[in-house]
């Protein structure tokens, strides 16, 4: 099975997809005049703006839900894998994907807000919604919805569960079967509680776990600050083939850096718009900017923390294309969370390995929960015309089964399946947001114009010539009616 999945991955993750991810991010960055730099302060401000409502969650809750999906095992095990097969230069290409991907995240999340709907008194949106409404291609939307349900409901949870099980086994000796059972029980409690429980859970757990992990990484960097210039030099020289030891694998550095970067920060993959569409905001660009910043948090902060811990301590291995060792810094440990645990254990004996295991537990479990929300949103899209309540129940059973399966299987199989799911979604979504780019940039220009005029931006799709944004049309009509009533009351 692993050979079959790897063969399919070779097609899905061809150089064409890597070029598409980088090219789309570069195009959106140039077209938006590098909004990820110009609006950095605005991104931070908007994170704390807005409140939840009966229909939607706050901007911060939506950010936390998105980060729950972005910040996962890719930030720990994924970084270690990228360095193993791409060398230290892979870290630079992860940074490049994050910087360019922030603009892709803005575009897709803004589109998610523009075309969101109210389903069962909750906001729902995502690529399936904007593909159908924005492009008028229902068949394409259904393909994305089905692929996403399969990817996030079956393929991707196993990667997260596998890393949790491996991390706990390395640190405490807990058997993978026990971990699988505990994960299944905890997942049942969360996913049967609905989107509000998911939002509140993510709002509490995600900021705490990310901050704690970054603080520990900063302590290690501080204790080894003399080595930091050399590590930075190694990353950049390896990324461009200038390093004598790693120069031969510069192509792999790009491939693995982009692959793991997309897996980790998910920019352009199509997962982010699902959570961002649930936010209660007055203008789609607001949540688009917030989601752009979430890519920075994921890759530039959390992934970089892992990379620096590994490279500063030297606890990593690098393999050539034929499996030969180019660099050996750790013996008897498989590529993945074990590298990071070994690195921290050497610096903080008796604490490091367990801390990484707990970080993985929180990172990966919240990602599994976020995957459920994404899959459920696409089930809601499919069920808009004909209600099929059994589909949600089947999804929950499959999700729990996939989590248990991933926890007890080998890491190679889990990661191969996860890469396949990410690649398929990325192909479908990036093509869609490129076709719908003008809608997102109309929203950006409108937002900037209103902010320049000193207003709190309000979105009116009719004024911008945007069609089929049904929720916002009703909202704008309601505002105009309230304004007329207020004027009449004064008279």
Protein backbone atom coordinates (compact mmCIF):
# COMPACT_ATOMS: atom_id res chain seq x y z
CA UNK A 1 0.00 0.00 0.00
CA UNK A 2 2.82 2.38 0.88
CA UNK A 3 4.42 1.87 -2.54
CA UNK A 4 1.10 2.63 -4.27
CA UNK A 5 0.50 5.80 -2.24
CA UNK A 6 4.07 6.97 -2.83
CA UNK A 7 3.65 6.45 -6.58
CA UNK A 8 0.47 8.54 -6.59
CA UNK A 9 2.20 11.19 -4.46
CA UNK A 10 4.96 11.35 -7.05
CA UNK A 11 2.33 12.49 -9.56
CA UNK A 12 0.36 14.79 -7.23
CA UNK A 13 3.50 16.40 -5.75
CA UNK A 14 5.21 16.88 -9.09
CA UNK A 15 7.32 20.00 -9.75
CA UNK A 16 4.18 21.49 -11.30
CA UNK A 17 2.41 21.67 -7.92
CA UNK A 18 5.48 23.15 -6.25
CA UNK A 19 5.67 25.79 -8.97
CA UNK A 20 1.92 26.44 -8.64
CA UNK A 21 2.16 26.99 -4.86
CA UNK A 22 5.11 29.37 -5.12
CA UNK A 23 3.88 31.05 -8.31
CA UNK A 24 0.38 31.72 -6.97
CA UNK A 25 1.78 33.18 -3.76
CA UNK A 26 4.18 35.40 -5.70
CA UNK A 27 1.43 36.60 -8.04
CA UNK A 28 -0.96 37.42 -5.18
CA UNK A 29 1.84 39.20 -3.32
CA UNK A 30 2.74 41.41 -6.27
CA UNK A 31 -0.91 42.04 -7.19
CA UNK A 32 -1.72 43.11 -3.62
CA UNK A 33 1.46 45.19 -3.36
CA UNK A 34 2.70 42.81 -0.67
CA UNK A 35 -0.20 43.22 1.71
CA UNK A 36 1.55 40.81 4.11
CA UNK A 37 4.03 43.62 4.80
CA UNK A 38 1.90 46.74 4.26
CA UNK A 39 -0.91 45.58 6.56
CA UNK A 40 1.09 43.78 9.23
CA UNK A 41 -0.01 46.18 11.97
CA UNK A 42 -3.61 45.98 10.77
CA UNK A 43 -3.48 42.18 10.90
CA UNK A 44 -2.50 42.28 14.57
CA UNK A 45 -5.17 44.87 15.39
CA UNK A 46 -7.93 42.91 13.69
CA UNK A 47 -7.12 39.73 15.57
CA UNK A 48 -8.70 41.15 18.71
CA UNK A 49 -11.57 42.94 17.01
CA UNK A 50 -15.14 41.74 16.85
CA UNK A 51 -17.39 39.58 18.97
CA UNK A 52 -19.11 36.28 18.48
CA UNK A 53 -22.82 36.06 17.76
CA UNK A 54 -25.51 33.40 17.65
CA UNK A 55 -24.54 32.68 14.03
CA UNK A 56 -20.75 33.16 14.09
CA UNK A 57 -17.61 33.18 16.19
CA UNK A 58 -15.28 36.11 16.89
CA UNK A 59 -12.27 36.92 14.73
CA UNK A 60 -9.94 35.59 17.41
CA UNK A 61 -11.95 32.38 17.77
CA UNK A 62 -11.86 31.90 14.01
CA UNK A 63 -8.09 32.54 14.08
CA UNK A 64 -7.72 29.98 16.89
CA UNK A 65 -9.77 27.45 14.94
CA UNK A 66 -7.60 28.03 11.88
CA UNK A 67 -4.40 27.76 13.91
CA UNK A 68 -5.74 24.56 15.44
CA UNK A 69 -5.66 23.18 11.90
CA UNK A 70 -2.40 24.83 10.87
CA UNK A 71 -0.32 24.21 14.00
CA UNK A 72 0.05 20.44 14.25
CA UNK A 73 2.55 17.66 13.83
CA UNK A 74 3.85 19.40 10.69
CA UNK A 75 5.41 22.00 12.98
CA UNK A 76 7.44 19.38 14.85
CA UNK A 77 7.69 16.07 13.00
CA UNK A 78 7.20 17.75 9.60
CA UNK A 79 10.12 20.12 10.09
CA UNK A 80 12.35 17.22 11.16
CA UNK A 81 11.33 15.25 8.07
CA UNK A 82 12.00 18.22 5.78
CA UNK A 83 15.51 18.61 7.19
CA UNK A 84 16.15 14.86 6.91
CA UNK A 85 15.32 14.66 3.22
CA UNK A 86 16.03 18.23 2.10
CA UNK A 87 18.79 19.36 4.42
CA UNK A 88 18.90 22.61 6.43
CA UNK A 89 18.08 24.56 3.23
CA UNK A 90 14.53 23.21 3.36
CA UNK A 91 13.89 25.59 6.27
CA UNK A 92 14.46 28.61 3.99
CA UNK A 93 11.93 27.32 1.48
CA UNK A 94 9.42 26.79 4.29
CA UNK A 95 9.92 30.46 5.14
CA UNK A 96 9.45 31.43 1.49
CA UNK A 97 6.21 29.48 1.29
CA UNK A 98 5.00 31.20 4.48
CA UNK A 99 5.82 34.71 3.28
CA UNK A 100 4.23 34.24 -0.15
CA UNK A 101 1.49 32.04 1.26
CA UNK A 102 0.24 34.81 3.54
CA UNK A 103 -1.19 36.52 0.45
CA UNK A 104 -2.75 33.23 -0.73
CA UNK A 105 -4.32 32.82 2.71
CA UNK A 106 -5.75 36.35 2.44
CA UNK A 107 -7.32 35.61 -0.95
CA UNK A 108 -8.89 32.27 -0.04
CA UNK A 109 -10.18 33.41 3.37
CA UNK A 110 -11.64 36.62 1.95
CA UNK A 111 -13.44 34.57 -0.69
CA UNK A 112 -14.73 32.26 2.03
CA UNK A 113 -16.26 35.25 3.81
CA UNK A 114 -17.75 36.75 0.62
CA UNK A 115 -19.67 33.61 -0.32
CA UNK A 116 -20.48 32.21 3.14
CA UNK A 117 -23.99 31.06 4.05
CA UNK A 118 -26.09 30.53 7.15
CA UNK A 119 -26.87 26.83 7.55
CA UNK A 120 -28.76 25.66 10.66
CA UNK A 121 -28.19 29.12 12.21
CA UNK A 122 -24.40 28.90 11.83
CA UNK A 123 -22.06 30.50 9.30
CA UNK A 124 -20.55 28.00 6.88
CA UNK A 125 -18.22 28.62 3.98
CA UNK A 126 -15.13 27.44 2.17
CA UNK A 127 -13.85 26.56 -1.30
CA UNK A 128 -16.89 24.47 -2.25
CA UNK A 129 -19.12 27.48 -1.57
CA UNK A 130 -17.03 30.03 -3.48
CA UNK A 131 -16.39 27.65 -6.36
CA UNK A 132 -20.14 27.15 -6.88
CA UNK A 133 -21.19 30.76 -6.29
CA UNK A 134 -18.19 32.62 -7.65
CA UNK A 135 -17.38 30.40 -10.64
CA UNK A 136 -20.84 28.91 -11.20
CA UNK A 137 -19.26 25.43 -11.42
CA UNK A 138 -21.26 23.18 -9.12
CA UNK A 139 -19.61 20.01 -10.39
CA UNK A 140 -16.19 21.44 -9.48
CA UNK A 141 -17.48 22.44 -6.05
CA UNK A 142 -18.77 18.91 -5.44
CA UNK A 143 -15.43 17.41 -6.43
CA UNK A 144 -13.66 19.67 -3.94
CA UNK A 145 -16.20 18.88 -1.22
CA UNK A 146 -15.90 15.11 -1.71
CA UNK A 147 -12.08 15.22 -1.88
CA UNK A 148 -11.94 17.38 1.26
CA UNK A 149 -14.27 15.13 3.25
CA UNK A 150 -12.10 12.16 2.29
CA UNK A 151 -8.81 14.01 2.92
CA UNK A 152 -9.65 15.62 6.28
CA UNK A 153 -11.96 12.87 7.47
CA UNK A 154 -9.88 9.83 6.50
CA UNK A 155 -6.35 10.60 5.24
CA UNK A 156 -5.05 13.44 7.42
CA UNK A 157 -6.11 12.52 11.00
CA UNK A 158 -3.82 9.49 10.98
CA UNK A 159 -0.70 11.67 10.57
CA UNK A 160 -1.52 13.67 13.69
CA UNK A 161 -2.49 10.59 15.72
CA UNK A 162 0.66 8.77 14.68
CA UNK A 163 2.90 11.58 15.91
CA UNK A 164 1.01 11.76 19.22
CA UNK A 165 1.45 8.03 19.75
CA UNK A 166 5.13 8.10 18.77
CA UNK A 167 5.89 11.09 20.97
CA UNK A 168 4.21 9.58 24.04
CA UNK A 169 5.86 6.21 23.42
CA UNK A 170 9.31 7.85 23.21
CA UNK A 171 8.78 9.90 26.37
CA UNK A 172 6.75 7.61 28.62
CA UNK A 173 6.61 4.17 27.03
CA UNK A 174 2.82 4.31 26.68
CA UNK A 175 1.63 1.71 24.16
CA UNK A 176 0.16 3.04 20.92
CA UNK A 177 -3.07 1.07 21.48
CA UNK A 178 -3.65 2.87 24.78
CA UNK A 179 -3.01 6.24 23.12
CA UNK A 180 -5.41 5.35 20.30
CA UNK A 181 -8.18 4.52 22.78
CA UNK A 182 -7.69 7.75 24.76
CA UNK A 183 -7.68 9.85 21.58
CA UNK A 184 -10.92 8.22 20.42
CA UNK A 185 -12.66 9.03 23.72
CA UNK A 186 -11.45 12.65 23.77
CA UNK A 187 -12.39 13.16 20.11
CA UNK A 188 -15.91 11.85 20.72
CA UNK A 189 -16.42 14.42 23.47
CA UNK A 190 -15.34 17.34 21.30
CA UNK A 191 -16.85 16.53 17.89
CA UNK A 192 -20.28 15.67 19.28
CA UNK A 193 -20.43 19.12 20.89
CA UNK A 194 -20.78 21.21 17.72
CA UNK A 195 -18.89 24.16 16.24
CA UNK A 196 -19.21 26.36 19.35
CA UNK A 197 -17.49 23.76 21.52
CA UNK A 198 -14.77 23.40 18.89
CA UNK A 199 -14.26 27.19 18.81
CA UNK A 200 -14.06 27.53 22.60
CA UNK A 201 -11.71 24.55 22.88
CA UNK A 202 -9.36 25.99 20.23
CA UNK A 203 -9.52 29.50 21.74
CA UNK A 204 -8.16 28.21 25.06
CA UNK A 205 -5.69 25.54 23.98
CA UNK A 206 -4.04 26.91 20.81
CA UNK A 207 -2.53 30.20 22.15
CA UNK A 208 -1.27 28.47 25.30
CA UNK A 209 0.43 25.56 23.53
CA UNK A 210 2.05 27.70 20.81
CA UNK A 211 3.39 30.26 23.30
CA UNK A 212 4.83 27.60 25.61
CA UNK A 213 6.59 25.88 22.72
CA UNK A 214 8.10 29.13 21.39
CA UNK A 215 9.31 30.10 24.90
CA UNK A 216 11.16 26.78 25.32
CA UNK A 217 12.71 27.20 21.86
CA UNK A 218 13.85 30.73 22.78
CA UNK A 219 15.48 29.39 25.95
CA UNK A 220 17.46 26.85 23.91
CA UNK A 221 18.48 29.50 21.37
CA UNK A 222 19.54 31.84 24.18
CA UNK A 223 21.67 29.12 25.81
CA UNK A 224 23.37 28.50 22.48
CA UNK A 225 23.29 32.00 21.00
CA UNK A 226 26.91 31.78 19.79
CA UNK A 227 25.84 29.13 17.27
CA UNK A 228 22.90 31.09 15.84
CA UNK A 229 24.86 33.02 13.13
CA UNK A 230 26.36 29.76 11.89
CA UNK A 231 22.95 28.09 11.77
CA UNK A 232 21.45 30.96 9.77
CA UNK A 233 24.39 30.86 7.38
CA UNK A 234 23.93 27.09 6.96
CA UNK A 235 20.22 27.49 6.17
CA UNK A 236 20.79 30.10 3.46
CA UNK A 237 23.85 28.47 1.90
CA UNK A 238 22.11 25.08 1.79
CA UNK A 239 18.97 26.58 0.27
CA UNK A 240 20.90 27.81 -2.77
CA UNK A 241 23.40 24.98 -3.15
CA UNK A 242 26.36 26.97 -1.81
CA UNK A 243 27.17 24.62 1.05
CA UNK A 244 29.76 21.92 0.23
CA UNK A 245 27.98 19.24 2.26
CA UNK A 246 24.38 19.89 1.25
CA UNK A 247 24.82 21.55 -2.14
CA UNK A 248 24.02 18.34 -4.04
CA UNK A 249 20.46 18.19 -2.68
CA UNK A 250 19.31 21.77 -3.33
CA UNK A 251 16.47 20.42 -5.49
CA UNK A 252 15.27 18.27 -2.61
CA UNK A 253 15.56 21.27 -0.28
CA UNK A 254 13.06 23.16 -2.44
CA UNK A 255 10.76 20.15 -2.85
CA UNK A 256 10.65 19.21 0.82
CA UNK A 257 10.58 22.79 2.02
CA UNK A 258 7.58 23.61 -0.13
CA UNK A 259 5.83 20.29 0.61
CA UNK A 260 6.21 20.55 4.36
CA UNK A 261 5.58 24.30 4.29
CA UNK A 262 2.24 23.82 2.55
CA UNK A 263 1.41 20.90 4.85
CA UNK A 264 2.17 22.98 7.92
CA UNK A 265 0.75 26.44 7.15
CA UNK A 266 -1.91 25.20 4.68
CA UNK A 267 -1.86 28.47 2.72
CA UNK A 268 -3.65 27.86 -0.56
CA UNK A 269 -4.66 24.36 0.46
CA UNK A 270 -8.26 25.36 1.12
CA UNK A 271 -8.57 24.42 4.78
CA UNK A 272 -8.25 27.94 6.25
CA UNK A 273 -11.38 29.41 4.59
CA UNK A 274 -13.64 26.97 6.43
CA UNK A 275 -12.89 28.37 9.87
CA UNK A 276 -12.49 31.96 8.67
CA UNK A 277 -15.96 31.85 7.12
CA UNK A 278 -17.44 31.22 10.56
CA UNK A 279 -16.29 34.62 11.85
CA UNK A 280 -18.75 37.46 12.51
CA UNK A 281 -17.13 40.47 10.77
CA UNK A 282 -18.34 43.58 8.96
CA UNK A 283 -16.10 43.13 5.91
CA UNK A 284 -14.59 39.98 4.30
CA UNK A 285 -11.12 41.55 4.05
CA UNK A 286 -10.92 41.78 7.83
CA UNK A 287 -10.84 38.04 8.26
CA UNK A 288 -8.65 37.67 5.19
CA UNK A 289 -5.99 39.82 6.84
CA UNK A 290 -6.29 37.93 10.13
CA UNK A 291 -5.81 34.63 8.34
CA UNK A 292 -2.79 35.98 6.50
CA UNK A 293 -1.14 36.58 9.86
CA UNK A 294 -1.94 33.05 11.01
CA UNK A 295 0.52 31.74 8.39
CA UNK A 296 3.26 33.79 10.06
CA UNK A 297 2.40 32.36 13.47
CA UNK A 298 2.50 28.82 12.14
CA UNK A 299 5.68 28.83 10.07
CA UNK A 300 7.81 31.85 10.96
CA UNK A 301 7.29 31.29 14.70
CA UNK A 302 6.46 27.66 15.51
CA UNK A 303 8.21 25.87 12.62
CA UNK A 304 11.25 28.11 13.02
CA UNK A 305 11.36 27.23 16.72
CA UNK A 306 11.62 23.53 15.84
CA UNK A 307 14.21 24.13 13.11
CA UNK A 308 16.49 26.21 15.34
CA UNK A 309 16.29 23.67 18.16
CA UNK A 310 17.36 20.88 15.81
CA UNK A 311 20.09 22.78 13.97
CA UNK A 312 21.60 24.46 17.03
CA UNK A 313 21.84 21.20 18.97
CA UNK A 314 22.91 19.21 15.88
CA UNK A 315 20.33 16.52 16.62
CA UNK A 316 19.29 15.75 13.06
CA UNK A 317 20.24 13.49 10.16
CA UNK A 318 20.27 14.25 6.44
CA UNK A 319 19.91 11.58 3.77
CA UNK A 320 20.73 11.78 0.09
CA UNK A 321 18.32 10.67 -2.69
CA UNK A 322 19.78 7.14 -2.57
CA UNK A 323 19.43 6.86 1.20
CA UNK A 324 23.11 7.44 1.98
CA UNK A 325 23.94 9.55 5.02
CA UNK A 326 25.10 13.11 4.26
CA UNK A 327 25.00 14.23 7.89
CA UNK A 328 24.49 12.12 11.01
CA UNK A 329 23.83 13.91 14.26
CA UNK A 330 21.57 11.42 16.03
CA UNK A 331 21.70 7.62 16.09
CA UNK A 332 18.95 5.07 16.53
CA UNK A 333 16.06 7.53 16.18
CA UNK A 334 13.61 7.59 13.28
CA UNK A 335 12.98 10.88 11.47
CA UNK A 336 10.12 12.73 13.11
CA UNK A 337 9.30 13.83 16.66
CA UNK A 338 12.14 11.68 18.02
CA UNK A 339 14.70 14.16 16.67
CA UNK A 340 13.10 17.06 18.51
CA UNK A 341 12.70 15.02 21.68
CA UNK A 342 16.36 14.02 21.57
CA UNK A 343 17.42 17.64 20.99
CA UNK A 344 15.47 18.95 23.98
CA UNK A 345 16.41 16.05 26.21
CA UNK A 346 20.09 16.78 25.67
CA UNK A 347 19.61 20.39 26.72
CA UNK A 348 16.95 19.81 29.39
CA UNK A 349 17.40 16.26 30.75
CA UNK A 350 14.28 14.72 32.27
CA UNK A 351 12.04 17.44 30.81
CA UNK A 352 12.69 17.87 27.08
CA UNK A 353 11.30 14.59 25.73
CA UNK A 354 8.12 14.78 27.82
CA UNK A 355 7.56 18.44 26.91
CA UNK A 356 7.71 17.67 23.18
CA UNK A 357 5.32 14.75 23.69
CA UNK A 358 2.83 17.04 25.45
CA UNK A 359 3.26 19.74 22.80
CA UNK A 360 2.58 17.17 20.12
CA UNK A 361 -0.47 15.94 22.03
CA UNK A 362 -2.01 19.43 22.10
CA UNK A 363 -0.83 20.50 18.63
CA UNK A 364 -1.94 17.37 16.85
CA UNK A 365 -5.17 16.77 18.74
CA UNK A 366 -6.48 20.27 18.06
CA UNK A 367 -5.58 19.71 14.39
CA UNK A 368 -7.67 16.53 14.32
CA UNK A 369 -10.57 18.51 15.80
CA UNK A 370 -10.11 21.21 13.14
CA UNK A 371 -10.09 18.52 10.42
CA UNK A 372 -13.45 17.34 11.68
CA UNK A 373 -14.91 20.84 11.43
CA UNK A 374 -13.62 21.19 7.86
CA UNK A 375 -15.05 17.82 6.82
CA UNK A 376 -18.37 18.60 8.53
CA UNK A 377 -18.59 21.93 6.71
CA UNK A 378 -18.26 20.16 3.37
CA UNK A 379 -20.90 17.65 4.46
CA UNK A 380 -23.13 20.66 5.22
CA UNK A 381 -22.45 21.97 1.71
CA UNK A 382 -23.45 18.64 0.15
CA UNK A 383 -26.55 18.49 2.34
CA UNK A 384 -27.87 21.95 1.46
CA UNK A 385 -30.40 20.59 -1.06
CA UNK A 386 -31.19 17.18 0.39
CA UNK A 387 -30.68 16.70 4.12
CA UNK A 388 -28.79 13.49 4.89
CA UNK A 389 -28.15 13.43 8.66
CA UNK A 390 -26.58 9.98 8.42
CA UNK A 391 -23.61 11.46 6.55
CA UNK A 392 -22.46 13.42 9.59
CA UNK A 393 -22.71 10.33 11.77
CA UNK A 394 -20.69 8.31 9.23
CA UNK A 395 -18.09 11.09 9.17
CA UNK A 396 -17.71 10.97 12.96
CA UNK A 397 -17.28 7.19 12.94
CA UNK A 398 -14.75 7.35 10.08
CA UNK A 399 -12.84 10.16 11.77
CA UNK A 400 -12.50 8.23 14.99
CA UNK A 401 -11.53 5.08 13.06
CA UNK A 402 -8.90 6.95 11.04
CA UNK A 403 -7.44 8.42 14.23
CA UNK A 404 -7.17 5.00 15.86
CA UNK A 405 -5.71 3.46 12.68
CA UNK A 406 -3.11 6.21 12.31
CA UNK A 407 -2.01 5.91 15.94
CA UNK A 408 -1.07 2.24 15.58
CA UNK A 409 0.34 2.23 12.02
CA UNK A 410 3.86 3.11 10.90
CA UNK A 411 4.76 6.76 10.33
CA UNK A 412 5.66 6.21 6.66
CA UNK A 413 2.14 5.09 5.73
CA UNK A 414 0.49 7.88 7.76
CA UNK A 415 2.63 10.64 6.25
CA UNK A 416 2.21 9.33 2.70
CA UNK A 417 -1.58 9.35 3.06
CA UNK A 418 -1.49 12.83 4.60
CA UNK A 419 0.65 14.22 1.77
CA UNK A 420 -1.79 12.79 -0.76
CA UNK A 421 -4.74 14.54 0.89
CA UNK A 422 -2.92 17.89 1.09
CA UNK A 423 -1.76 17.71 -2.52
CA UNK A 424 -5.19 16.94 -3.97
CA UNK A 425 -6.83 19.79 -2.07
CA UNK A 426 -4.06 22.22 -3.05
CA UNK A 427 -4.45 21.49 -6.79
CA UNK A 428 -8.21 22.06 -6.67
CA UNK A 429 -8.20 25.14 -4.45
CA UNK A 430 -5.29 27.11 -5.93
CA UNK A 431 -6.81 26.80 -9.40
CA UNK A 432 -10.11 28.17 -8.02
CA UNK A 433 -8.65 31.15 -6.15
CA UNK A 434 -6.59 32.14 -9.19
CA UNK A 435 -9.81 32.28 -11.21
CA UNK A 436 -11.58 34.27 -8.46
CA UNK A 437 -8.67 36.59 -7.65
CA UNK A 438 -10.46 39.74 -8.88
CA UNK A 439 -13.22 39.34 -6.28
CA UNK A 440 -10.70 39.19 -3.44
CA UNK A 441 -8.76 42.21 -4.68
CA UNK A 442 -11.97 44.24 -5.12
CA UNK A 443 -12.62 43.55 -1.44
CA UNK A 444 -9.07 44.61 -0.53
CA UNK A 445 -9.30 47.90 -2.43
CA UNK A 446 -12.73 48.63 -0.94
CA UNK A 447 -11.46 47.90 2.57
CA UNK A 448 -8.41 50.13 2.10
CA UNK A 449 -10.53 52.97 0.69
CA UNK A 450 -12.95 52.88 3.61
CA UNK A 451 -10.12 52.74 6.15
CA UNK A 452 -8.42 55.71 4.45
CA UNK A 453 -11.70 57.63 4.82
CA UNK A 454 -11.68 56.94 8.54
CA UNK A 455 -14.54 54.44 8.47
CA UNK A 456 -15.00 51.04 10.02
CA UNK A 457 -15.38 49.17 6.71
CA UNK A 458 -18.79 47.70 5.85
CA UNK A 459 -19.19 45.36 2.90
CA UNK A 460 -21.78 45.95 0.17
CA UNK A 461 -21.27 43.44 -2.68
CA UNK A 462 -23.69 45.23 -5.02
CA UNK A 463 -21.58 48.41 -4.90
CA UNK A 464 -18.56 46.38 -6.04
CA UNK A 465 -20.40 44.42 -8.72
CA UNK A 466 -19.98 41.12 -6.84
CA UNK A 467 -22.87 38.73 -7.45
CA UNK A 468 -24.30 35.82 -5.45
CA UNK A 469 -22.92 37.04 -2.12
CA UNK A 470 -26.39 36.40 -0.71
CA UNK A 471 -25.66 36.78 3.00
CA UNK A 472 -23.97 40.16 2.51
CA UNK A 473 -26.76 41.43 0.22
CA UNK A 474 -29.29 40.76 3.00
CA UNK A 475 -26.98 42.32 5.58
CA UNK A 476 -26.50 45.49 3.50
CA UNK A 477 -30.26 45.76 2.90
CA UNK A 478 -30.84 45.46 6.65
CA UNK A 479 -28.36 48.25 7.37
CA UNK A 480 -30.01 50.54 4.83
CA UNK A 481 -33.43 49.81 6.31
CA UNK A 482 -32.18 50.58 9.81
CA UNK A 483 -30.65 53.83 8.58
CA UNK A 484 -33.92 54.89 6.93
CA UNK A 485 -35.87 54.06 10.09
CA UNK A 486 -33.44 56.11 12.21
CA UNK A 487 -33.81 59.12 9.89
CA UNK A 488 -37.60 58.78 9.94
CA UNK A 489 -37.61 58.60 13.73
CA UNK A 490 -35.67 61.88 13.96
CA UNK A 491 -38.09 63.59 11.62
